[in-house]
Amino acid sequence: MKQFLALYMGRPNAAPGSGAASLDEKTRNAGMAAWQKWMVDHQANIVGMGGPLGSTKKTSAAGVSDMRNAVVGYVVVKADSHEAAAKMFEGHPHFSIFPGDSVEIMEQLPIPGA
């Protein structure tokens, strides 16, 4: 099986604090229960549990700076194909209950020469 990095994407221009914490308690609890059910339903395919992500620092030739991006969390899964990995996230609570935008799934390729 191949491994895939799945990035939970927030809404690109969302205001700070407009994510899951902004939901009423009932909706947030329902979302967390649905997310936990998704994790249990797919536990055989989860390689790395991942989790939510905080603020971002960028390091480049120009130095270190603060920045924003739309990535709000991640999980690592295994599947027979890229398509099969992507289908795992159809109807995911990240965007069906929470105010997330999408899940982006990328195959983890072997390191050249390793």
N, C-alpha and C. Protein backbone atom coordinates (compact mmCIF):
# COMPACT_ATOMS: atom_id res chain seq x y z
N MET A 1 0.84 -1.19 0.00
CA MET A 1 0.00 0.00 0.00
C MET A 1 0.88 1.25 0.00
N LYS A 2 0.36 2.28 -0.59
CA LYS A 2 1.05 3.56 -0.63
C LYS A 2 0.62 4.41 0.57
N GLN A 3 1.46 5.38 0.92
CA GLN A 3 1.11 6.30 2.00
C GLN A 3 0.80 7.67 1.42
N PHE A 4 -0.14 8.36 2.09
CA PHE A 4 -0.60 9.66 1.63
C PHE A 4 -0.69 10.63 2.80
N LEU A 5 -0.26 11.85 2.56
CA LEU A 5 -0.41 12.94 3.52
C LEU A 5 -1.69 13.68 3.16
N ALA A 6 -2.61 13.75 4.11
CA ALA A 6 -3.87 14.47 3.90
C ALA A 6 -3.82 15.75 4.73
N LEU A 7 -3.97 16.88 4.07
CA LEU A 7 -3.96 18.18 4.74
C LEU A 7 -5.38 18.70 4.85
N TYR A 8 -5.80 19.00 6.06
CA TYR A 8 -7.10 19.61 6.29
C TYR A 8 -6.93 21.11 6.04
N MET A 9 -7.68 21.63 5.08
CA MET A 9 -7.54 23.03 4.70
C MET A 9 -8.69 23.85 5.27
N GLY A 10 -8.34 24.99 5.86
CA GLY A 10 -9.34 25.93 6.33
C GLY A 10 -9.77 26.82 5.19
N ARG A 11 -10.68 27.71 5.46
CA ARG A 11 -11.11 28.67 4.44
C ARG A 11 -9.98 29.69 4.28
N PRO A 12 -9.51 29.90 3.05
CA PRO A 12 -8.32 30.72 2.82
C PRO A 12 -8.36 32.11 3.44
N ASN A 13 -9.47 32.80 3.39
CA ASN A 13 -9.52 34.16 3.92
C ASN A 13 -10.33 34.27 5.20
N ALA A 14 -10.43 33.16 5.93
CA ALA A 14 -11.20 33.17 7.18
C ALA A 14 -10.53 34.05 8.22
N ALA A 15 -11.34 34.73 8.97
CA ALA A 15 -10.82 35.56 10.05
C ALA A 15 -10.30 34.66 11.17
N PRO A 16 -9.24 35.09 11.86
CA PRO A 16 -8.75 34.32 13.00
C PRO A 16 -9.90 34.07 13.99
N GLY A 17 -9.96 32.85 14.52
CA GLY A 17 -10.99 32.52 15.49
C GLY A 17 -12.32 32.13 14.89
N SER A 18 -12.39 32.00 13.55
CA SER A 18 -13.66 31.67 12.91
C SER A 18 -13.81 30.18 12.64
N GLY A 19 -12.90 29.36 13.18
CA GLY A 19 -12.94 27.93 12.94
C GLY A 19 -13.84 27.20 13.92
N ALA A 20 -13.45 25.99 14.30
CA ALA A 20 -14.26 25.13 15.16
C ALA A 20 -14.61 25.81 16.48
N ALA A 21 -13.70 26.61 17.01
CA ALA A 21 -13.95 27.27 18.30
C ALA A 21 -15.12 28.25 18.23
N SER A 22 -15.45 28.70 17.02
CA SER A 22 -16.54 29.67 16.87
C SER A 22 -17.91 28.99 16.83
N LEU A 23 -17.95 27.67 16.74
CA LEU A 23 -19.21 26.94 16.66
C LEU A 23 -19.87 26.84 18.03
N ASP A 24 -21.19 26.72 18.05
CA ASP A 24 -21.86 26.50 19.33
C ASP A 24 -21.45 25.12 19.86
N GLU A 25 -21.57 24.93 21.15
CA GLU A 25 -21.08 23.72 21.81
C GLU A 25 -21.72 22.44 21.23
N LYS A 26 -23.01 22.48 20.96
CA LYS A 26 -23.71 21.30 20.43
C LYS A 26 -23.13 20.89 19.08
N THR A 27 -22.92 21.86 18.18
CA THR A 27 -22.37 21.57 16.86
C THR A 27 -20.93 21.09 16.97
N ARG A 28 -20.15 21.76 17.81
CA ARG A 28 -18.74 21.37 18.00
C ARG A 28 -18.66 19.93 18.53
N ASN A 29 -19.49 19.59 19.53
CA ASN A 29 -19.48 18.23 20.09
C ASN A 29 -19.91 17.20 19.05
N ALA A 30 -20.93 17.52 18.25
CA ALA A 30 -21.38 16.61 17.19
C ALA A 30 -20.26 16.41 16.17
N GLY A 31 -19.56 17.49 15.85
CA GLY A 31 -18.46 17.41 14.90
C GLY A 31 -17.32 16.55 15.43
N MET A 32 -16.98 16.72 16.70
CA MET A 32 -15.90 15.92 17.29
C MET A 32 -16.30 14.45 17.35
N ALA A 33 -17.56 14.15 17.66
CA ALA A 33 -18.03 12.76 17.68
C ALA A 33 -17.95 12.15 16.28
N ALA A 34 -18.34 12.93 15.26
CA ALA A 34 -18.29 12.44 13.88
C ALA A 34 -16.84 12.24 13.45
N TRP A 35 -15.94 13.14 13.85
CA TRP A 35 -14.53 13.03 13.50
C TRP A 35 -13.94 11.77 14.15
N GLN A 36 -14.25 11.54 15.42
CA GLN A 36 -13.76 10.35 16.11
C GLN A 36 -14.30 9.09 15.45
N LYS A 37 -15.56 9.11 15.02
CA LYS A 37 -16.13 7.96 14.31
C LYS A 37 -15.39 7.72 13.01
N TRP A 38 -15.06 8.80 12.27
CA TRP A 38 -14.30 8.67 11.03
C TRP A 38 -12.96 8.01 11.32
N MET A 39 -12.28 8.43 12.38
CA MET A 39 -10.98 7.86 12.75
C MET A 39 -11.11 6.37 13.07
N VAL A 40 -12.15 5.98 13.80
CA VAL A 40 -12.37 4.57 14.13
C VAL A 40 -12.70 3.79 12.86
N ASP A 41 -13.57 4.33 12.02
CA ASP A 41 -13.97 3.65 10.79
C ASP A 41 -12.78 3.42 9.85
N HIS A 42 -11.77 4.28 9.92
CA HIS A 42 -10.63 4.19 9.01
C HIS A 42 -9.33 3.82 9.72
N GLN A 43 -9.43 3.31 10.96
CA GLN A 43 -8.23 3.05 11.75
C GLN A 43 -7.25 2.10 11.07
N ALA A 44 -7.73 1.16 10.28
CA ALA A 44 -6.85 0.23 9.59
C ALA A 44 -6.00 0.94 8.53
N ASN A 45 -6.43 2.11 8.08
CA ASN A 45 -5.71 2.85 7.05
C ASN A 45 -4.95 4.05 7.60
N ILE A 46 -5.03 4.31 8.89
CA ILE A 46 -4.35 5.47 9.46
C ILE A 46 -2.95 5.07 9.90
N VAL A 47 -1.96 5.71 9.29
CA VAL A 47 -0.55 5.44 9.57
C VAL A 47 -0.04 6.39 10.64
N GLY A 48 -0.45 7.64 10.55
CA GLY A 48 -0.06 8.68 11.51
C GLY A 48 -1.27 9.51 11.85
N MET A 49 -1.63 9.56 13.13
CA MET A 49 -2.87 10.21 13.55
C MET A 49 -2.90 11.71 13.24
N GLY A 50 -1.74 12.35 13.20
CA GLY A 50 -1.73 13.78 12.91
C GLY A 50 -2.43 14.57 13.98
N GLY A 51 -3.06 15.67 13.58
CA GLY A 51 -3.79 16.51 14.51
C GLY A 51 -3.90 17.92 14.00
N PRO A 52 -4.47 18.80 14.84
CA PRO A 52 -4.60 20.20 14.44
C PRO A 52 -3.24 20.89 14.46
N LEU A 53 -3.14 21.98 13.71
CA LEU A 53 -1.89 22.73 13.61
C LEU A 53 -2.09 24.17 14.08
N GLY A 54 -1.04 24.75 14.62
CA GLY A 54 -1.09 26.12 15.10
C GLY A 54 -0.51 27.10 14.10
N SER A 55 0.00 28.20 14.60
CA SER A 55 0.53 29.27 13.74
C SER A 55 1.75 28.78 12.97
N THR A 56 2.09 29.52 11.91
CA THR A 56 3.14 29.11 10.98
C THR A 56 4.30 30.08 11.00
N LYS A 57 5.51 29.53 10.99
CA LYS A 57 6.74 30.29 10.78
C LYS A 57 7.31 29.82 9.45
N LYS A 58 7.87 30.74 8.71
CA LYS A 58 8.49 30.42 7.41
C LYS A 58 9.98 30.71 7.51
N THR A 59 10.79 29.74 7.14
CA THR A 59 12.23 29.93 7.09
C THR A 59 12.67 29.85 5.64
N SER A 60 13.39 30.88 5.20
CA SER A 60 13.90 30.93 3.82
C SER A 60 15.29 31.54 3.85
N ALA A 61 15.87 31.75 2.68
CA ALA A 61 17.18 32.39 2.60
C ALA A 61 17.15 33.80 3.21
N ALA A 62 15.96 34.40 3.25
CA ALA A 62 15.81 35.75 3.81
C ALA A 62 15.67 35.72 5.34
N GLY A 63 15.56 34.55 5.93
CA GLY A 63 15.43 34.46 7.38
C GLY A 63 14.11 33.82 7.80
N VAL A 64 13.69 34.13 9.03
CA VAL A 64 12.48 33.56 9.61
C VAL A 64 11.42 34.65 9.71
N SER A 65 10.20 34.31 9.33
CA SER A 65 9.10 35.27 9.42
C SER A 65 7.81 34.54 9.76
N ASP A 66 6.85 35.28 10.29
CA ASP A 66 5.52 34.75 10.53
C ASP A 66 4.74 34.78 9.23
N MET A 67 3.83 33.83 9.05
CA MET A 67 2.99 33.82 7.86
C MET A 67 1.70 33.09 8.16
N ARG A 68 0.73 33.19 7.25
CA ARG A 68 -0.52 32.45 7.34
C ARG A 68 -0.66 31.57 6.12
N ASN A 69 -1.23 30.41 6.32
CA ASN A 69 -1.62 29.56 5.21
C ASN A 69 -2.95 28.92 5.59
N ALA A 70 -3.49 28.11 4.74
CA ALA A 70 -4.83 27.55 4.99
C ALA A 70 -4.79 26.16 5.64
N VAL A 71 -3.60 25.63 5.93
CA VAL A 71 -3.49 24.30 6.52
C VAL A 71 -3.83 24.37 8.01
N VAL A 72 -4.83 23.54 8.43
CA VAL A 72 -5.25 23.56 9.83
C VAL A 72 -5.03 22.23 10.55
N GLY A 73 -4.63 21.19 9.80
CA GLY A 73 -4.38 19.90 10.42
C GLY A 73 -3.94 18.90 9.38
N TYR A 74 -3.60 17.68 9.84
CA TYR A 74 -3.15 16.66 8.91
C TYR A 74 -3.36 15.27 9.49
N VAL A 75 -3.30 14.27 8.62
CA VAL A 75 -3.32 12.86 8.98
C VAL A 75 -2.56 12.13 7.88
N VAL A 76 -1.92 11.01 8.21
CA VAL A 76 -1.25 10.19 7.22
C VAL A 76 -2.02 8.88 7.10
N VAL A 77 -2.39 8.53 5.87
CA VAL A 77 -3.18 7.31 5.64
C VAL A 77 -2.47 6.43 4.61
N LYS A 78 -2.90 5.17 4.55
CA LYS A 78 -2.42 4.27 3.51
C LYS A 78 -3.61 3.80 2.70
N ALA A 79 -3.37 3.59 1.41
CA ALA A 79 -4.41 3.13 0.51
C ALA A 79 -3.75 2.50 -0.71
N ASP A 80 -4.52 1.74 -1.47
CA ASP A 80 -3.99 1.10 -2.67
C ASP A 80 -3.69 2.09 -3.78
N SER A 81 -4.41 3.21 -3.80
CA SER A 81 -4.21 4.20 -4.86
C SER A 81 -4.52 5.60 -4.34
N HIS A 82 -4.11 6.58 -5.12
CA HIS A 82 -4.39 7.98 -4.79
C HIS A 82 -5.90 8.21 -4.74
N GLU A 83 -6.59 7.65 -5.72
CA GLU A 83 -8.05 7.77 -5.79
C GLU A 83 -8.72 7.16 -4.55
N ALA A 84 -8.24 5.98 -4.13
CA ALA A 84 -8.81 5.32 -2.95
C ALA A 84 -8.57 6.16 -1.69
N ALA A 85 -7.39 6.77 -1.59
CA ALA A 85 -7.09 7.63 -0.45
C ALA A 85 -8.02 8.84 -0.44
N ALA A 86 -8.22 9.45 -1.60
CA ALA A 86 -9.10 10.63 -1.68
C ALA A 86 -10.54 10.28 -1.33
N LYS A 87 -11.01 9.13 -1.76
CA LYS A 87 -12.39 8.72 -1.47
C LYS A 87 -12.64 8.53 0.02
N MET A 88 -11.58 8.23 0.79
CA MET A 88 -11.74 8.07 2.24
C MET A 88 -12.29 9.34 2.88
N PHE A 89 -12.05 10.49 2.27
CA PHE A 89 -12.42 11.77 2.86
C PHE A 89 -13.74 12.34 2.34
N GLU A 90 -14.42 11.62 1.46
CA GLU A 90 -15.72 12.10 0.99
C GLU A 90 -16.67 12.22 2.17
N GLY A 91 -17.32 13.36 2.32
CA GLY A 91 -18.26 13.59 3.41
C GLY A 91 -17.61 13.73 4.78
N HIS A 92 -16.30 13.96 4.83
CA HIS A 92 -15.57 14.06 6.10
C HIS A 92 -16.14 15.20 6.96
N PRO A 93 -16.20 15.02 8.28
CA PRO A 93 -16.72 16.07 9.16
C PRO A 93 -15.96 17.40 9.07
N HIS A 94 -14.72 17.36 8.57
CA HIS A 94 -13.94 18.60 8.45
C HIS A 94 -14.69 19.65 7.64
N PHE A 95 -15.37 19.22 6.59
CA PHE A 95 -16.12 20.20 5.79
C PHE A 95 -17.62 19.93 5.78
N SER A 96 -18.06 18.82 6.35
CA SER A 96 -19.50 18.58 6.40
C SER A 96 -20.13 19.13 7.68
N ILE A 97 -19.33 19.30 8.74
CA ILE A 97 -19.83 19.86 10.00
C ILE A 97 -19.03 21.10 10.38
N PHE A 98 -17.72 20.97 10.37
CA PHE A 98 -16.85 22.10 10.74
C PHE A 98 -16.74 23.09 9.57
N PRO A 99 -16.21 24.28 9.84
CA PRO A 99 -16.08 25.25 8.75
C PRO A 99 -14.81 25.09 7.93
N GLY A 100 -14.37 23.84 7.74
CA GLY A 100 -13.21 23.59 6.91
C GLY A 100 -13.56 23.66 5.44
N ASP A 101 -12.57 23.89 4.61
CA ASP A 101 -12.79 24.06 3.18
C ASP A 101 -12.67 22.76 2.41
N SER A 102 -11.61 22.00 2.67
CA SER A 102 -11.35 20.80 1.88
C SER A 102 -10.28 19.96 2.56
N VAL A 103 -10.00 18.79 1.98
CA VAL A 103 -8.88 17.96 2.39
C VAL A 103 -8.05 17.71 1.14
N GLU A 104 -6.76 18.03 1.20
CA GLU A 104 -5.87 17.83 0.07
C GLU A 104 -5.01 16.60 0.36
N ILE A 105 -4.96 15.66 -0.58
CA ILE A 105 -4.30 14.39 -0.37
C ILE A 105 -3.15 14.24 -1.35
N MET A 106 -1.95 13.99 -0.81
CA MET A 106 -0.74 13.85 -1.64
C MET A 106 -0.05 12.54 -1.33
N GLU A 107 0.39 11.84 -2.36
CA GLU A 107 1.16 10.61 -2.14
C GLU A 107 2.53 10.95 -1.59
N GLN A 108 2.96 10.17 -0.60
CA GLN A 108 4.32 10.31 -0.08
C GLN A 108 5.23 9.46 -0.96
N LEU A 109 6.09 10.11 -1.72
CA LEU A 109 6.99 9.44 -2.65
C LEU A 109 8.28 9.02 -1.96
N PRO A 110 8.94 8.02 -2.50
CA PRO A 110 10.22 7.61 -1.91
C PRO A 110 11.27 8.69 -2.10
N ILE A 111 12.20 8.75 -1.16
CA ILE A 111 13.29 9.72 -1.27
C ILE A 111 14.25 9.21 -2.34
N PRO A 112 14.59 10.04 -3.34
CA PRO A 112 15.49 9.59 -4.40
C PRO A 112 16.84 9.14 -3.84
N GLY A 113 17.30 7.99 -4.31
CA GLY A 113 18.60 7.48 -3.88
C GLY A 113 18.61 6.80 -2.53
N ALA A 114 17.45 6.76 -1.86
CA ALA A 114 17.44 6.14 -0.52
C ALA A 114 17.23 4.65 -0.61
